[in-house]
Amino acid sequence: MYLLIFFLIYFLVVFVLRSYLLWRRTGINPLTFNKGDDAHGYNGKVFSIISIIELVVLIIYSFFPKLRDYLLPFWYLEYEALLILGWGLLILSLVLVWISQSNMKDSWRIGIDEKNKSELITSGMFSISRNPIFLSIIIANVGLFLVLPNAFTLLIISLSTISINTQVRLEETYLSDEFGKQYKNYKNTVNRWITLSKKN
């Protein structure tokens, strides 16, 4: 039950509240995945499917304990130390996403926004990683797996990792076209996932 509540709070804070605040301030809808059959639209559908799988898994664990075996649990990973680590990663993810979204200010989007021009953000969390929000989501998925180790949470990690890496490359192409040399210099300075030391 606690995990379901946490994920509802995570979703409301990271997506609903942040989207509402941006819309109120700018009039821009940050949800920019299209409904087409191109890679961007397809990736939006995959993200939706992953969210549904997460919700179903959490509902089963919270309200239907007799169905848990159908999720193929990895009982040999059910240790208290891993459970605590998993919760730590979940909380860390929420904090990192909120900070990263705050760093983006009015440039934050869910997907690629080709209609509304935005600023290239390179400070704050974005001076450490070019994709701190996606990195935080990956951290959350690993945390979920450690708290609930089963075949479906492992599937969530697999699907989301593939989908996120696809989305990152789509966004890199868009940002290269949009910001040109400015983005090229940024790429040469900050790594895609994490920068432990500044590049020369």
N, C-alpha and C. Protein backbone atom coordinates (compact mmCIF):
# COMPACT_ATOMS: atom_id res chain seq x y z
N MET A 1 0.82 -1.20 0.00
CA MET A 1 0.00 0.00 0.00
C MET A 1 0.86 1.26 0.00
N TYR A 2 1.93 1.26 0.84
CA TYR A 2 2.81 2.44 0.91
C TYR A 2 3.45 2.72 -0.45
N LEU A 3 3.81 1.64 -1.17
CA LEU A 3 4.46 1.82 -2.46
C LEU A 3 3.48 2.42 -3.47
N LEU A 4 2.25 1.97 -3.46
CA LEU A 4 1.24 2.52 -4.35
C LEU A 4 1.02 4.00 -4.06
N ILE A 5 0.93 4.35 -2.79
CA ILE A 5 0.76 5.75 -2.41
C ILE A 5 1.96 6.58 -2.88
N PHE A 6 3.16 6.04 -2.70
CA PHE A 6 4.36 6.75 -3.13
C PHE A 6 4.34 7.02 -4.62
N PHE A 7 3.97 6.01 -5.41
CA PHE A 7 3.97 6.20 -6.85
C PHE A 7 2.87 7.13 -7.31
N LEU A 8 1.76 7.15 -6.62
CA LEU A 8 0.72 8.12 -6.95
C LEU A 8 1.21 9.53 -6.66
N ILE A 9 1.89 9.70 -5.53
CA ILE A 9 2.47 11.01 -5.19
C ILE A 9 3.54 11.38 -6.23
N TYR A 10 4.38 10.41 -6.59
CA TYR A 10 5.44 10.63 -7.58
C TYR A 10 4.83 11.12 -8.89
N PHE A 11 3.79 10.43 -9.35
CA PHE A 11 3.14 10.79 -10.62
C PHE A 11 2.50 12.17 -10.53
N LEU A 12 1.80 12.43 -9.42
CA LEU A 12 1.11 13.71 -9.27
C LEU A 12 2.09 14.87 -9.18
N VAL A 13 3.17 14.68 -8.42
CA VAL A 13 4.15 15.76 -8.24
C VAL A 13 4.97 15.99 -9.50
N VAL A 14 5.46 14.91 -10.10
CA VAL A 14 6.39 15.03 -11.23
C VAL A 14 5.68 15.39 -12.53
N PHE A 15 4.51 14.83 -12.75
CA PHE A 15 3.84 15.04 -14.03
C PHE A 15 2.64 15.98 -13.93
N VAL A 16 1.69 15.68 -13.07
CA VAL A 16 0.46 16.47 -13.03
C VAL A 16 0.71 17.88 -12.48
N LEU A 17 1.30 17.99 -11.28
CA LEU A 17 1.52 19.29 -10.67
C LEU A 17 2.46 20.14 -11.51
N ARG A 18 3.58 19.55 -11.94
CA ARG A 18 4.55 20.30 -12.73
C ARG A 18 3.94 20.76 -14.06
N SER A 19 3.14 19.91 -14.68
CA SER A 19 2.48 20.29 -15.94
C SER A 19 1.49 21.42 -15.72
N TYR A 20 0.72 21.31 -14.64
CA TYR A 20 -0.27 22.35 -14.34
C TYR A 20 0.39 23.70 -14.07
N LEU A 21 1.47 23.69 -13.29
CA LEU A 21 2.15 24.93 -12.96
C LEU A 21 2.73 25.58 -14.21
N LEU A 22 3.30 24.77 -15.10
CA LEU A 22 3.85 25.31 -16.34
C LEU A 22 2.75 25.87 -17.23
N TRP A 23 1.65 25.14 -17.33
CA TRP A 23 0.52 25.61 -18.15
C TRP A 23 -0.06 26.92 -17.60
N ARG A 24 -0.21 27.01 -16.27
CA ARG A 24 -0.74 28.23 -15.67
C ARG A 24 0.18 29.42 -15.92
N ARG A 25 1.47 29.16 -15.91
CA ARG A 25 2.44 30.24 -16.04
C ARG A 25 2.65 30.68 -17.49
N THR A 26 2.59 29.73 -18.42
CA THR A 26 2.95 30.04 -19.81
C THR A 26 1.84 29.79 -20.82
N GLY A 27 0.83 28.98 -20.42
CA GLY A 27 -0.20 28.61 -21.38
C GLY A 27 0.22 27.48 -22.30
N ILE A 28 1.38 26.89 -22.04
CA ILE A 28 1.92 25.81 -22.87
C ILE A 28 1.62 24.46 -22.24
N ASN A 29 1.11 23.53 -23.03
CA ASN A 29 0.91 22.16 -22.57
C ASN A 29 2.23 21.42 -22.73
N PRO A 30 2.89 21.00 -21.63
CA PRO A 30 4.20 20.35 -21.74
C PRO A 30 4.14 18.93 -22.28
N LEU A 31 2.95 18.34 -22.36
CA LEU A 31 2.81 16.99 -22.91
C LEU A 31 2.83 17.09 -24.42
N THR A 32 3.96 16.76 -25.03
CA THR A 32 4.14 17.03 -26.46
C THR A 32 4.30 15.78 -27.32
N PHE A 33 4.10 14.59 -26.75
CA PHE A 33 4.13 13.39 -27.59
C PHE A 33 2.98 13.47 -28.59
N ASN A 34 3.29 13.27 -29.87
CA ASN A 34 2.22 13.28 -30.87
C ASN A 34 1.54 11.92 -30.95
N LYS A 35 0.46 11.86 -31.70
CA LYS A 35 -0.29 10.61 -31.83
C LYS A 35 0.00 9.90 -33.14
N GLY A 36 1.07 10.34 -33.80
CA GLY A 36 1.42 9.75 -35.08
C GLY A 36 2.11 8.41 -34.95
N ASP A 37 2.52 7.89 -36.10
CA ASP A 37 3.15 6.57 -36.15
C ASP A 37 4.66 6.67 -36.29
N ASP A 38 5.21 7.88 -36.08
CA ASP A 38 6.65 8.03 -36.14
C ASP A 38 7.27 7.58 -34.82
N ALA A 39 8.60 7.65 -34.75
CA ALA A 39 9.30 7.14 -33.56
C ALA A 39 8.89 7.91 -32.30
N HIS A 40 8.69 9.21 -32.42
CA HIS A 40 8.33 10.02 -31.26
C HIS A 40 6.95 9.63 -30.73
N GLY A 41 5.99 9.51 -31.64
CA GLY A 41 4.64 9.12 -31.23
C GLY A 41 4.61 7.71 -30.67
N TYR A 42 5.36 6.81 -31.30
CA TYR A 42 5.41 5.43 -30.83
C TYR A 42 6.00 5.36 -29.44
N ASN A 43 7.04 6.14 -29.20
CA ASN A 43 7.68 6.14 -27.88
C ASN A 43 6.73 6.63 -26.81
N GLY A 44 5.89 7.60 -27.15
CA GLY A 44 4.89 8.08 -26.19
C GLY A 44 3.94 6.97 -25.79
N LYS A 45 3.55 6.14 -26.75
CA LYS A 45 2.67 5.02 -26.46
C LYS A 45 3.36 3.99 -25.56
N VAL A 46 4.65 3.76 -25.80
CA VAL A 46 5.41 2.81 -24.98
C VAL A 46 5.49 3.30 -23.54
N PHE A 47 5.74 4.60 -23.35
CA PHE A 47 5.77 5.17 -22.00
C PHE A 47 4.44 4.96 -21.29
N SER A 48 3.33 5.10 -22.03
CA SER A 48 2.00 4.90 -21.45
C SER A 48 1.80 3.45 -21.02
N ILE A 49 2.25 2.51 -21.86
CA ILE A 49 2.13 1.08 -21.56
C ILE A 49 2.94 0.74 -20.30
N ILE A 50 4.15 1.29 -20.19
CA ILE A 50 4.99 1.05 -19.02
C ILE A 50 4.29 1.55 -17.76
N SER A 51 3.68 2.71 -17.83
CA SER A 51 2.97 3.28 -16.68
C SER A 51 1.81 2.39 -16.26
N ILE A 52 1.10 1.83 -17.24
CA ILE A 52 -0.03 0.94 -16.94
C ILE A 52 0.46 -0.34 -16.27
N ILE A 53 1.57 -0.90 -16.77
CA ILE A 53 2.13 -2.11 -16.16
C ILE A 53 2.51 -1.83 -14.71
N GLU A 54 3.16 -0.69 -14.46
CA GLU A 54 3.53 -0.32 -13.09
C GLU A 54 2.30 -0.24 -12.20
N LEU A 55 1.26 0.41 -12.69
CA LEU A 55 0.04 0.58 -11.89
C LEU A 55 -0.60 -0.76 -11.58
N VAL A 56 -0.67 -1.65 -12.56
CA VAL A 56 -1.27 -2.97 -12.35
C VAL A 56 -0.47 -3.77 -11.32
N VAL A 57 0.85 -3.74 -11.43
CA VAL A 57 1.71 -4.46 -10.47
C VAL A 57 1.48 -3.94 -9.06
N LEU A 58 1.44 -2.63 -8.91
CA LEU A 58 1.27 -2.03 -7.59
C LEU A 58 -0.12 -2.32 -7.01
N ILE A 59 -1.14 -2.34 -7.84
CA ILE A 59 -2.49 -2.65 -7.38
C ILE A 59 -2.57 -4.10 -6.91
N ILE A 60 -1.94 -5.00 -7.66
CA ILE A 60 -1.93 -6.41 -7.28
C ILE A 60 -1.24 -6.59 -5.93
N TYR A 61 -0.07 -5.97 -5.76
CA TYR A 61 0.66 -6.10 -4.49
C TYR A 61 -0.08 -5.46 -3.33
N SER A 62 -0.86 -4.43 -3.61
CA SER A 62 -1.55 -3.72 -2.54
C SER A 62 -2.86 -4.36 -2.14
N PHE A 63 -3.61 -4.90 -3.11
CA PHE A 63 -4.98 -5.33 -2.84
C PHE A 63 -5.28 -6.80 -3.15
N PHE A 64 -4.41 -7.43 -3.93
CA PHE A 64 -4.70 -8.81 -4.34
C PHE A 64 -3.49 -9.72 -4.09
N PRO A 65 -3.14 -9.95 -2.83
CA PRO A 65 -1.94 -10.73 -2.49
C PRO A 65 -1.96 -12.15 -3.08
N LYS A 66 -3.16 -12.71 -3.29
CA LYS A 66 -3.23 -14.06 -3.84
C LYS A 66 -2.77 -14.12 -5.29
N LEU A 67 -2.71 -12.97 -5.94
CA LEU A 67 -2.30 -12.94 -7.35
C LEU A 67 -0.82 -12.65 -7.53
N ARG A 68 -0.11 -12.42 -6.44
CA ARG A 68 1.29 -12.02 -6.53
C ARG A 68 2.16 -13.05 -7.22
N ASP A 69 1.84 -14.33 -7.03
CA ASP A 69 2.65 -15.39 -7.65
C ASP A 69 2.59 -15.33 -9.17
N TYR A 70 1.51 -14.76 -9.72
CA TYR A 70 1.38 -14.65 -11.18
C TYR A 70 2.35 -13.61 -11.75
N LEU A 71 2.92 -12.78 -10.89
CA LEU A 71 3.91 -11.80 -11.33
C LEU A 71 5.31 -12.40 -11.36
N LEU A 72 5.42 -13.67 -11.00
CA LEU A 72 6.69 -14.41 -11.02
C LEU A 72 7.74 -13.73 -10.15
N PRO A 73 7.52 -13.69 -8.84
CA PRO A 73 8.47 -13.03 -7.94
C PRO A 73 9.81 -13.74 -7.86
N PHE A 74 10.87 -12.95 -7.72
CA PHE A 74 12.21 -13.50 -7.52
C PHE A 74 12.45 -13.54 -6.00
N TRP A 75 11.96 -14.59 -5.37
CA TRP A 75 12.00 -14.68 -3.92
C TRP A 75 13.42 -14.63 -3.36
N TYR A 76 14.41 -15.06 -4.15
CA TYR A 76 15.79 -15.09 -3.68
C TYR A 76 16.41 -13.68 -3.61
N LEU A 77 15.68 -12.66 -4.05
CA LEU A 77 16.14 -11.28 -3.94
C LEU A 77 15.38 -10.50 -2.86
N GLU A 78 14.54 -11.18 -2.13
CA GLU A 78 13.73 -10.51 -1.13
C GLU A 78 14.49 -10.42 0.20
N TYR A 79 15.41 -9.47 0.24
CA TYR A 79 16.20 -9.21 1.45
C TYR A 79 15.91 -7.80 1.94
N GLU A 80 15.96 -7.63 3.26
CA GLU A 80 15.67 -6.32 3.84
C GLU A 80 16.63 -5.25 3.35
N ALA A 81 17.91 -5.61 3.19
CA ALA A 81 18.90 -4.64 2.73
C ALA A 81 18.56 -4.12 1.33
N LEU A 82 18.12 -5.02 0.45
CA LEU A 82 17.73 -4.61 -0.90
C LEU A 82 16.45 -3.79 -0.87
N LEU A 83 15.55 -4.13 0.03
CA LEU A 83 14.31 -3.37 0.18
C LEU A 83 14.61 -1.93 0.59
N ILE A 84 15.50 -1.77 1.56
CA ILE A 84 15.88 -0.43 2.03
C ILE A 84 16.59 0.35 0.92
N LEU A 85 17.48 -0.33 0.20
CA LEU A 85 18.18 0.30 -0.92
C LEU A 85 17.18 0.75 -1.98
N GLY A 86 16.20 -0.11 -2.27
CA GLY A 86 15.19 0.21 -3.26
C GLY A 86 14.40 1.46 -2.89
N TRP A 87 13.98 1.55 -1.63
CA TRP A 87 13.25 2.73 -1.17
C TRP A 87 14.14 3.97 -1.24
N GLY A 88 15.42 3.80 -0.92
CA GLY A 88 16.34 4.93 -1.01
C GLY A 88 16.46 5.46 -2.43
N LEU A 89 16.50 4.54 -3.41
CA LEU A 89 16.58 4.94 -4.81
C LEU A 89 15.29 5.63 -5.26
N LEU A 90 14.16 5.14 -4.80
CA LEU A 90 12.88 5.76 -5.16
C LEU A 90 12.80 7.20 -4.66
N ILE A 91 13.17 7.40 -3.41
CA ILE A 91 13.14 8.75 -2.83
C ILE A 91 14.16 9.65 -3.52
N LEU A 92 15.36 9.11 -3.78
CA LEU A 92 16.39 9.87 -4.48
C LEU A 92 15.90 10.30 -5.86
N SER A 93 15.24 9.40 -6.55
CA SER A 93 14.71 9.70 -7.88
C SER A 93 13.73 10.87 -7.85
N LEU A 94 12.81 10.84 -6.90
CA LEU A 94 11.82 11.91 -6.79
C LEU A 94 12.49 13.26 -6.55
N VAL A 95 13.48 13.28 -5.67
CA VAL A 95 14.20 14.52 -5.37
C VAL A 95 14.95 15.03 -6.60
N LEU A 96 15.64 14.12 -7.30
CA LEU A 96 16.43 14.51 -8.46
C LEU A 96 15.54 15.01 -9.60
N VAL A 97 14.40 14.35 -9.80
CA VAL A 97 13.48 14.80 -10.86
C VAL A 97 12.96 16.19 -10.56
N TRP A 98 12.56 16.43 -9.31
CA TRP A 98 12.01 17.73 -8.94
C TRP A 98 13.06 18.84 -9.13
N ILE A 99 14.29 18.57 -8.70
CA ILE A 99 15.37 19.56 -8.87
C ILE A 99 15.64 19.81 -10.35
N SER A 100 15.70 18.74 -11.14
CA SER A 100 15.97 18.87 -12.57
C SER A 100 14.87 19.64 -13.28
N GLN A 101 13.61 19.35 -12.95
CA GLN A 101 12.51 20.09 -13.54
C GLN A 101 12.57 21.56 -13.15
N SER A 102 12.94 21.83 -11.91
CA SER A 102 13.08 23.22 -11.46
C SER A 102 14.19 23.92 -12.24
N ASN A 103 15.29 23.20 -12.51
CA ASN A 103 16.37 23.78 -13.31
C ASN A 103 15.90 24.13 -14.72
N MET A 104 14.99 23.33 -15.26
CA MET A 104 14.51 23.56 -16.63
C MET A 104 13.55 24.73 -16.73
N LYS A 105 12.91 25.07 -15.62
CA LYS A 105 11.97 26.21 -15.58
C LYS A 105 10.90 26.03 -16.67
N ASP A 106 10.76 27.01 -17.55
CA ASP A 106 9.70 26.96 -18.57
C ASP A 106 10.08 26.12 -19.78
N SER A 107 11.28 25.55 -19.78
CA SER A 107 11.72 24.71 -20.91
C SER A 107 11.34 23.25 -20.73
N TRP A 108 10.78 22.91 -19.56
CA TRP A 108 10.47 21.50 -19.31
C TRP A 108 9.33 21.03 -20.21
N ARG A 109 9.52 19.85 -20.82
CA ARG A 109 8.51 19.23 -21.66
C ARG A 109 8.51 17.72 -21.43
N ILE A 110 7.38 17.09 -21.77
CA ILE A 110 7.32 15.63 -21.83
C ILE A 110 7.28 15.27 -23.30
N GLY A 111 8.44 15.00 -23.88
CA GLY A 111 8.52 14.77 -25.31
C GLY A 111 9.21 15.94 -25.99
N ILE A 112 9.11 16.01 -27.32
CA ILE A 112 9.75 17.03 -28.13
C ILE A 112 8.71 18.06 -28.57
N ASP A 113 8.93 19.31 -28.20
CA ASP A 113 8.00 20.39 -28.54
C ASP A 113 8.58 21.18 -29.71
N GLU A 114 8.04 20.95 -30.91
CA GLU A 114 8.53 21.63 -32.09
C GLU A 114 7.79 22.94 -32.35
N LYS A 115 6.75 23.21 -31.56
CA LYS A 115 5.93 24.41 -31.79
C LYS A 115 6.39 25.60 -30.95
N ASN A 116 6.78 25.33 -29.71
CA ASN A 116 7.14 26.40 -28.79
C ASN A 116 8.64 26.40 -28.54
N LYS A 117 9.28 27.49 -28.85
CA LYS A 117 10.71 27.60 -28.66
C LYS A 117 11.06 27.61 -27.18
N SER A 118 12.15 26.99 -26.83
CA SER A 118 12.59 26.94 -25.43
C SER A 118 14.09 27.21 -25.35
N GLU A 119 14.56 27.38 -24.14
CA GLU A 119 15.96 27.67 -23.89
C GLU A 119 16.73 26.36 -23.66
N LEU A 120 17.97 26.31 -24.11
CA LEU A 120 18.82 25.16 -23.82
C LEU A 120 19.35 25.31 -22.40
N ILE A 121 19.00 24.39 -21.53
CA ILE A 121 19.41 24.45 -20.13
C ILE A 121 20.70 23.66 -19.94
N THR A 122 21.71 24.31 -19.40
CA THR A 122 23.02 23.65 -19.21
C THR A 122 23.54 23.80 -17.78
N SER A 123 22.74 24.40 -16.90
CA SER A 123 23.19 24.64 -15.52
C SER A 123 22.49 23.68 -14.56
N GLY A 124 22.86 23.75 -13.28
CA GLY A 124 22.23 22.89 -12.28
C GLY A 124 22.53 21.42 -12.55
N MET A 125 21.50 20.60 -12.47
CA MET A 125 21.66 19.17 -12.72
C MET A 125 22.14 18.90 -14.14
N PHE A 126 21.84 19.83 -15.05
CA PHE A 126 22.20 19.64 -16.45
C PHE A 126 23.68 19.94 -16.71
N SER A 127 24.40 20.39 -15.69
CA SER A 127 25.84 20.52 -15.82
C SER A 127 26.54 19.21 -15.43
N ILE A 128 25.77 18.28 -14.90
CA ILE A 128 26.28 16.97 -14.50
C ILE A 128 25.85 15.89 -15.48
N SER A 129 24.63 16.01 -15.97
CA SER A 129 24.06 15.04 -16.91
C SER A 129 23.23 15.78 -17.95
N ARG A 130 23.30 15.32 -19.20
CA ARG A 130 22.45 15.94 -20.22
C ARG A 130 21.01 15.45 -20.09
N ASN A 131 20.80 14.37 -19.35
CA ASN A 131 19.46 13.80 -19.22
C ASN A 131 19.17 13.42 -17.76
N PRO A 132 19.22 14.36 -16.84
CA PRO A 132 19.05 14.00 -15.42
C PRO A 132 17.65 13.48 -15.09
N ILE A 133 16.63 13.93 -15.82
CA ILE A 133 15.27 13.44 -15.54
C ILE A 133 15.12 11.99 -15.97
N PHE A 134 15.59 11.68 -17.18
CA PHE A 134 15.54 10.29 -17.63
C PHE A 134 16.39 9.39 -16.73
N LEU A 135 17.56 9.88 -16.33
CA LEU A 135 18.42 9.12 -15.43
C LEU A 135 17.70 8.84 -14.12
N SER A 136 16.98 9.84 -13.62
CA SER A 136 16.23 9.67 -12.37
C SER A 136 15.11 8.65 -12.52
N ILE A 137 14.47 8.62 -13.67
CA ILE A 137 13.40 7.64 -13.91
C ILE A 137 13.98 6.23 -13.95
N ILE A 138 15.14 6.07 -14.56
CA ILE A 138 15.81 4.77 -14.55
C ILE A 138 16.13 4.34 -13.12
N ILE A 139 16.61 5.29 -12.32
CA ILE A 139 16.89 5.01 -10.90
C ILE A 139 15.63 4.55 -10.19
N ALA A 140 14.49 5.21 -10.48
CA ALA A 140 13.22 4.83 -9.86
C ALA A 140 12.81 3.42 -10.26
N ASN A 141 13.01 3.06 -11.51
CA ASN A 141 12.64 1.73 -11.97
C ASN A 141 13.49 0.64 -11.32
N VAL A 142 14.78 0.94 -11.13
CA VAL A 142 15.64 -0.01 -10.42
C VAL A 142 15.20 -0.12 -8.96
N GLY A 143 14.85 1.02 -8.36
CA GLY A 143 14.35 1.00 -6.99
C GLY A 143 13.09 0.18 -6.85
N LEU A 144 12.18 0.33 -7.80
CA LEU A 144 10.94 -0.46 -7.79
C LEU A 144 11.25 -1.95 -7.86
N PHE A 145 12.19 -2.31 -8.71
CA PHE A 145 12.56 -3.73 -8.84
C PHE A 145 13.12 -4.28 -7.54
N LEU A 146 13.94 -3.48 -6.85
CA LEU A 146 14.53 -3.96 -5.60
C LEU A 146 13.49 -4.09 -4.50
N VAL A 147 12.48 -3.22 -4.52
CA VAL A 147 11.41 -3.32 -3.53
C VAL A 147 10.47 -4.48 -3.87
N LEU A 148 10.16 -4.63 -5.16
CA LEU A 148 9.28 -5.71 -5.62
C LEU A 148 9.98 -6.50 -6.72
N PRO A 149 10.91 -7.37 -6.37
CA PRO A 149 11.64 -8.12 -7.40
C PRO A 149 10.78 -9.21 -8.04
N ASN A 150 10.36 -8.96 -9.26
CA ASN A 150 9.59 -9.96 -9.99
C ASN A 150 9.80 -9.76 -11.49
N ALA A 151 9.23 -10.66 -12.29
CA ALA A 151 9.45 -10.62 -13.73
C ALA A 151 8.89 -9.34 -14.36
N PHE A 152 7.81 -8.80 -13.80
CA PHE A 152 7.17 -7.63 -14.41
C PHE A 152 7.92 -6.34 -14.08
N THR A 153 8.47 -6.22 -12.88
CA THR A 153 9.27 -5.03 -12.60
C THR A 153 10.59 -5.08 -13.36
N LEU A 154 11.09 -6.30 -13.62
CA LEU A 154 12.27 -6.44 -14.48
C LEU A 154 11.91 -6.05 -15.92
N LEU A 155 10.72 -6.43 -16.35
CA LEU A 155 10.24 -6.04 -17.68
C LEU A 155 10.14 -4.52 -17.79
N ILE A 156 9.68 -3.87 -16.73
CA ILE A 156 9.58 -2.41 -16.72
C ILE A 156 10.96 -1.78 -16.93
N ILE A 157 11.98 -2.30 -16.23
CA ILE A 157 13.33 -1.80 -16.42
C ILE A 157 13.77 -1.96 -17.87
N SER A 158 13.51 -3.12 -18.44
CA SER A 158 13.95 -3.41 -19.81
C SER A 158 13.27 -2.49 -20.81
N LEU A 159 11.95 -2.42 -20.74
CA LEU A 159 11.19 -1.59 -21.69
C LEU A 159 11.54 -0.12 -21.55
N SER A 160 11.60 0.36 -20.30
CA SER A 160 11.86 1.78 -20.09
C SER A 160 13.27 2.17 -20.52
N THR A 161 14.24 1.28 -20.29
CA THR A 161 15.62 1.58 -20.69
C THR A 161 15.73 1.71 -22.20
N ILE A 162 15.09 0.79 -22.93
CA ILE A 162 15.09 0.87 -24.39
C ILE A 162 14.37 2.12 -24.86
N SER A 163 13.20 2.38 -24.29
CA SER A 163 12.40 3.53 -24.70
C SER A 163 13.09 4.84 -24.38
N ILE A 164 13.67 4.94 -23.20
CA ILE A 164 14.37 6.17 -22.80
C ILE A 164 15.57 6.41 -23.70
N ASN A 165 16.34 5.38 -23.99
CA ASN A 165 17.50 5.56 -24.87
C ASN A 165 17.07 5.99 -26.27
N THR A 166 15.94 5.47 -26.74
CA THR A 166 15.41 5.90 -28.03
C THR A 166 15.01 7.37 -27.98
N GLN A 167 14.30 7.75 -26.91
CA GLN A 167 13.86 9.13 -26.77
C GLN A 167 15.03 10.10 -26.65
N VAL A 168 16.06 9.70 -25.92
CA VAL A 168 17.24 10.54 -25.76
C VAL A 168 17.87 10.84 -27.12
N ARG A 169 17.97 9.85 -27.97
CA ARG A 169 18.57 10.05 -29.28
C ARG A 169 17.69 10.91 -30.18
N LEU A 170 16.39 10.76 -30.07
CA LEU A 170 15.49 11.63 -30.83
C LEU A 170 15.65 13.08 -30.38
N GLU A 171 15.75 13.28 -29.08
CA GLU A 171 15.89 14.64 -28.55
C GLU A 171 17.25 15.23 -28.89
N GLU A 172 18.28 14.40 -28.92
CA GLU A 172 19.60 14.89 -29.30
C GLU A 172 19.60 15.39 -30.74
N THR A 173 18.94 14.68 -31.62
CA THR A 173 18.85 15.12 -33.01
C THR A 173 18.11 16.44 -33.11
N TYR A 174 16.99 16.54 -32.38
CA TYR A 174 16.21 17.79 -32.38
C TYR A 174 17.02 18.95 -31.82
N LEU A 175 17.70 18.74 -30.70
CA LEU A 175 18.47 19.81 -30.07
C LEU A 175 19.67 20.23 -30.92
N SER A 176 20.26 19.28 -31.62
CA SER A 176 21.36 19.61 -32.53
C SER A 176 20.87 20.52 -33.65
N ASP A 177 19.69 20.22 -34.19
CA ASP A 177 19.12 21.06 -35.25
C ASP A 177 18.68 22.41 -34.71
N GLU A 178 18.17 22.43 -33.49
CA GLU A 178 17.61 23.65 -32.91
C GLU A 178 18.68 24.62 -32.41
N PHE A 179 19.72 24.08 -31.76
CA PHE A 179 20.70 24.95 -31.11
C PHE A 179 22.10 24.90 -31.73
N GLY A 180 22.30 24.01 -32.69
CA GLY A 180 23.53 23.99 -33.45
C GLY A 180 24.80 23.91 -32.62
N LYS A 181 25.68 24.90 -32.81
CA LYS A 181 26.99 24.91 -32.16
C LYS A 181 26.85 24.96 -30.64
N GLN A 182 25.85 25.66 -30.13
CA GLN A 182 25.66 25.75 -28.68
C GLN A 182 25.45 24.37 -28.08
N TYR A 183 24.62 23.54 -28.74
CA TYR A 183 24.38 22.19 -28.23
C TYR A 183 25.60 21.30 -28.44
N LYS A 184 26.30 21.49 -29.55
CA LYS A 184 27.51 20.71 -29.81
C LYS A 184 28.55 20.96 -28.72
N ASN A 185 28.72 22.21 -28.33
CA ASN A 185 29.66 22.54 -27.26
C ASN A 185 29.22 21.92 -25.93
N TYR A 186 27.91 21.93 -25.71
CA TYR A 186 27.36 21.33 -24.49
C TYR A 186 27.62 19.83 -24.46
N LYS A 187 27.40 19.15 -25.58
CA LYS A 187 27.65 17.71 -25.67
C LYS A 187 29.12 17.39 -25.42
N ASN A 188 29.99 18.29 -25.86
CA ASN A 188 31.42 18.06 -25.68
C ASN A 188 31.88 18.30 -24.24
N THR A 189 31.00 18.90 -23.46
CA THR A 189 31.35 19.23 -22.07
C THR A 189 30.70 18.29 -21.06
N VAL A 190 29.44 17.90 -21.32
CA VAL A 190 28.66 17.11 -20.37
C VAL A 190 28.26 15.78 -21.01
N ASN A 191 28.44 14.69 -20.29
CA ASN A 191 28.10 13.36 -20.80
C ASN A 191 26.59 13.16 -20.88
N ARG A 192 26.21 12.17 -21.66
CA ARG A 192 24.78 11.87 -21.83
C ARG A 192 24.12 11.51 -20.52
N TRP A 193 24.80 10.72 -19.68
CA TRP A 193 24.18 10.25 -18.44
C TRP A 193 24.76 10.89 -17.20
N ILE A 194 26.06 10.83 -17.01
CA ILE A 194 26.65 11.45 -15.82
C ILE A 194 28.09 11.84 -16.11
N THR A 195 28.44 13.02 -15.63
CA THR A 195 29.78 13.56 -15.83
C THR A 195 30.48 13.61 -14.47
N LEU A 196 31.46 12.76 -14.30
CA LEU A 196 32.19 12.72 -13.02
C LEU A 196 33.30 13.78 -13.00
N SER A 197 33.80 14.12 -14.16
CA SER A 197 34.78 15.19 -14.26
C SER A 197 34.58 15.89 -15.61
N LYS A 198 34.82 17.17 -15.64
CA LYS A 198 34.60 17.96 -16.84
C LYS A 198 35.51 17.48 -17.98
N LYS A 199 34.89 17.41 -19.18
CA LYS A 199 35.68 17.06 -20.36
C LYS A 199 36.59 18.23 -20.74
N ASN A 200 37.69 17.90 -21.38
CA ASN A 200 38.58 18.95 -21.87
C ASN A 200 38.07 19.49 -23.18
